[in-house]
Amino acid sequence: MTLLLLEALGALVLLVFIVWWTMFSGRKKGELPDAAETEKKQAKTGPSPDQRD
């Protein structure tokens, strides 16, 4: 029974670590400003001709 609880605890710790790692491992100062402006322009006008299929 103790081994089962230790294994469950280990799985929970691993899950929490993976979630923490993915949430806080981005850029130190956030996204680049140019990328945000480009996304806004694409949302308004649609994809550029070279990005269409």
N, C-alpha and C. Protein backbone atom coordinates (compact mmCIF):
# COMPACT_ATOMS: atom_id res chain seq x y z
N MET A 1 0.83 -1.19 0.00
CA MET A 1 0.00 0.00 0.00
C MET A 1 0.88 1.26 0.00
N THR A 2 1.94 1.23 0.78
CA THR A 2 2.84 2.38 0.84
C THR A 2 3.50 2.63 -0.50
N LEU A 3 3.88 1.57 -1.17
CA LEU A 3 4.51 1.71 -2.49
C LEU A 3 3.54 2.35 -3.48
N LEU A 4 2.29 1.97 -3.43
CA LEU A 4 1.27 2.54 -4.31
C LEU A 4 1.10 4.04 -4.05
N LEU A 5 1.07 4.43 -2.79
CA LEU A 5 0.95 5.85 -2.44
C LEU A 5 2.18 6.64 -2.87
N LEU A 6 3.36 6.06 -2.71
CA LEU A 6 4.58 6.74 -3.16
C LEU A 6 4.60 6.92 -4.68
N GLU A 7 4.14 5.91 -5.40
CA GLU A 7 4.08 6.02 -6.85
C GLU A 7 3.09 7.09 -7.28
N ALA A 8 1.93 7.15 -6.63
CA ALA A 8 0.93 8.17 -6.94
C ALA A 8 1.47 9.57 -6.62
N LEU A 9 2.16 9.70 -5.51
CA LEU A 9 2.76 10.97 -5.14
C LEU A 9 3.82 11.39 -6.16
N GLY A 10 4.63 10.45 -6.59
CA GLY A 10 5.65 10.74 -7.61
C GLY A 10 5.03 11.19 -8.92
N ALA A 11 3.93 10.53 -9.32
CA ALA A 11 3.25 10.93 -10.55
C ALA A 11 2.66 12.34 -10.41
N LEU A 12 2.12 12.66 -9.26
CA LEU A 12 1.56 13.99 -9.02
C LEU A 12 2.65 15.05 -9.04
N VAL A 13 3.78 14.76 -8.41
CA VAL A 13 4.89 15.71 -8.43
C VAL A 13 5.39 15.93 -9.85
N LEU A 14 5.49 14.87 -10.62
CA LEU A 14 5.91 14.99 -12.02
C LEU A 14 4.92 15.82 -12.82
N LEU A 15 3.64 15.61 -12.62
CA LEU A 15 2.62 16.39 -13.33
C LEU A 15 2.72 17.87 -12.97
N VAL A 16 2.83 18.16 -11.69
CA VAL A 16 2.95 19.56 -11.26
C VAL A 16 4.21 20.19 -11.83
N PHE A 17 5.31 19.47 -11.86
CA PHE A 17 6.55 20.00 -12.42
C PHE A 17 6.40 20.30 -13.91
N ILE A 18 5.77 19.41 -14.66
CA ILE A 18 5.59 19.62 -16.10
C ILE A 18 4.71 20.85 -16.35
N VAL A 19 3.64 20.98 -15.59
CA VAL A 19 2.76 22.15 -15.76
C VAL A 19 3.51 23.42 -15.40
N TRP A 20 4.26 23.41 -14.30
CA TRP A 20 5.02 24.59 -13.90
C TRP A 20 6.06 24.95 -14.95
N TRP A 21 6.73 23.96 -15.48
CA TRP A 21 7.77 24.19 -16.48
C TRP A 21 7.18 24.82 -17.75
N THR A 22 6.04 24.33 -18.19
CA THR A 22 5.45 24.87 -19.42
C THR A 22 4.85 26.25 -19.20
N MET A 23 4.42 26.56 -18.01
CA MET A 23 3.83 27.87 -17.76
C MET A 23 4.88 28.97 -17.64
N PHE A 24 6.02 28.68 -17.07
CA PHE A 24 6.98 29.72 -16.74
C PHE A 24 8.29 29.61 -17.48
N SER A 25 8.35 28.90 -18.58
CA SER A 25 9.62 28.76 -19.29
C SER A 25 9.67 29.60 -20.56
N GLY A 26 8.82 30.61 -20.69
CA GLY A 26 8.79 31.44 -21.88
C GLY A 26 9.90 32.48 -21.88
N ARG A 27 9.74 33.48 -22.71
CA ARG A 27 10.73 34.55 -22.78
C ARG A 27 10.76 35.34 -21.47
N LYS A 28 11.92 35.87 -21.15
CA LYS A 28 12.07 36.63 -19.90
C LYS A 28 11.22 37.90 -19.93
N LYS A 29 11.14 38.56 -21.09
CA LYS A 29 10.41 39.83 -21.19
C LYS A 29 9.12 39.66 -21.99
N GLY A 30 8.62 38.46 -22.12
CA GLY A 30 7.38 38.22 -22.86
C GLY A 30 7.63 38.10 -24.35
N GLU A 31 6.57 38.16 -25.11
CA GLU A 31 6.68 38.05 -26.57
C GLU A 31 7.28 39.32 -27.16
N LEU A 32 7.86 39.20 -28.32
CA LEU A 32 8.41 40.35 -29.01
C LEU A 32 7.28 41.26 -29.48
N PRO A 33 7.44 42.58 -29.41
CA PRO A 33 6.37 43.49 -29.82
C PRO A 33 6.02 43.35 -31.29
N ASP A 34 7.01 43.07 -32.13
CA ASP A 34 6.76 42.94 -33.57
C ASP A 34 5.82 41.77 -33.85
N ALA A 35 5.97 40.69 -33.12
CA ALA A 35 5.12 39.51 -33.33
C ALA A 35 3.67 39.83 -32.98
N ALA A 36 3.45 40.59 -31.93
CA ALA A 36 2.08 40.95 -31.53
C ALA A 36 1.43 41.83 -32.58
N GLU A 37 2.17 42.79 -33.12
CA GLU A 37 1.62 43.67 -34.15
C GLU A 37 1.30 42.89 -35.42
N THR A 38 2.16 41.96 -35.80
CA THR A 38 1.91 41.16 -36.99
C THR A 38 0.66 40.31 -36.83
N GLU A 39 0.47 39.74 -35.64
CA GLU A 39 -0.73 38.94 -35.40
C GLU A 39 -2.00 39.78 -35.48
N LYS A 40 -1.95 41.01 -34.97
CA LYS A 40 -3.11 41.90 -35.04
C LYS A 40 -3.44 42.24 -36.49
N LYS A 41 -2.42 42.53 -37.28
CA LYS A 41 -2.65 42.87 -38.68
C LYS A 41 -3.23 41.68 -39.44
N GLN A 42 -2.72 40.47 -39.18
CA GLN A 42 -3.24 39.29 -39.86
C GLN A 42 -4.67 39.01 -39.46
N ALA A 43 -5.02 39.28 -38.22
CA ALA A 43 -6.38 39.03 -37.77
C ALA A 43 -7.36 39.96 -38.47
N LYS A 44 -6.93 41.20 -38.74
CA LYS A 44 -7.81 42.18 -39.40
C LYS A 44 -7.91 41.92 -40.89
N THR A 45 -6.78 41.66 -41.54
CA THR A 45 -6.76 41.57 -43.00
C THR A 45 -6.79 40.15 -43.53
N GLY A 46 -6.53 39.18 -42.70
CA GLY A 46 -6.46 37.80 -43.16
C GLY A 46 -5.02 37.46 -43.52
N PRO A 47 -4.77 36.23 -43.94
CA PRO A 47 -3.40 35.81 -44.25
C PRO A 47 -2.89 36.50 -45.52
N SER A 48 -1.59 36.68 -45.60
CA SER A 48 -1.00 37.28 -46.77
C SER A 48 -1.07 36.29 -47.94
N PRO A 49 -0.96 36.78 -49.17
CA PRO A 49 -1.08 35.88 -50.34
C PRO A 49 -0.10 34.73 -50.35
N ASP A 50 1.10 34.92 -49.82
CA ASP A 50 2.07 33.82 -49.83
C ASP A 50 1.79 32.77 -48.77
N GLN A 51 0.88 33.06 -47.81
CA GLN A 51 0.54 32.10 -46.78
C GLN A 51 -0.71 31.29 -47.13
N ARG A 52 -1.42 31.69 -48.18
CA ARG A 52 -2.63 30.97 -48.58
C ARG A 52 -2.27 29.68 -49.30
N ASP A 53 -3.15 28.71 -49.22
CA ASP A 53 -2.93 27.42 -49.89
C ASP A 53 -3.24 27.50 -51.37
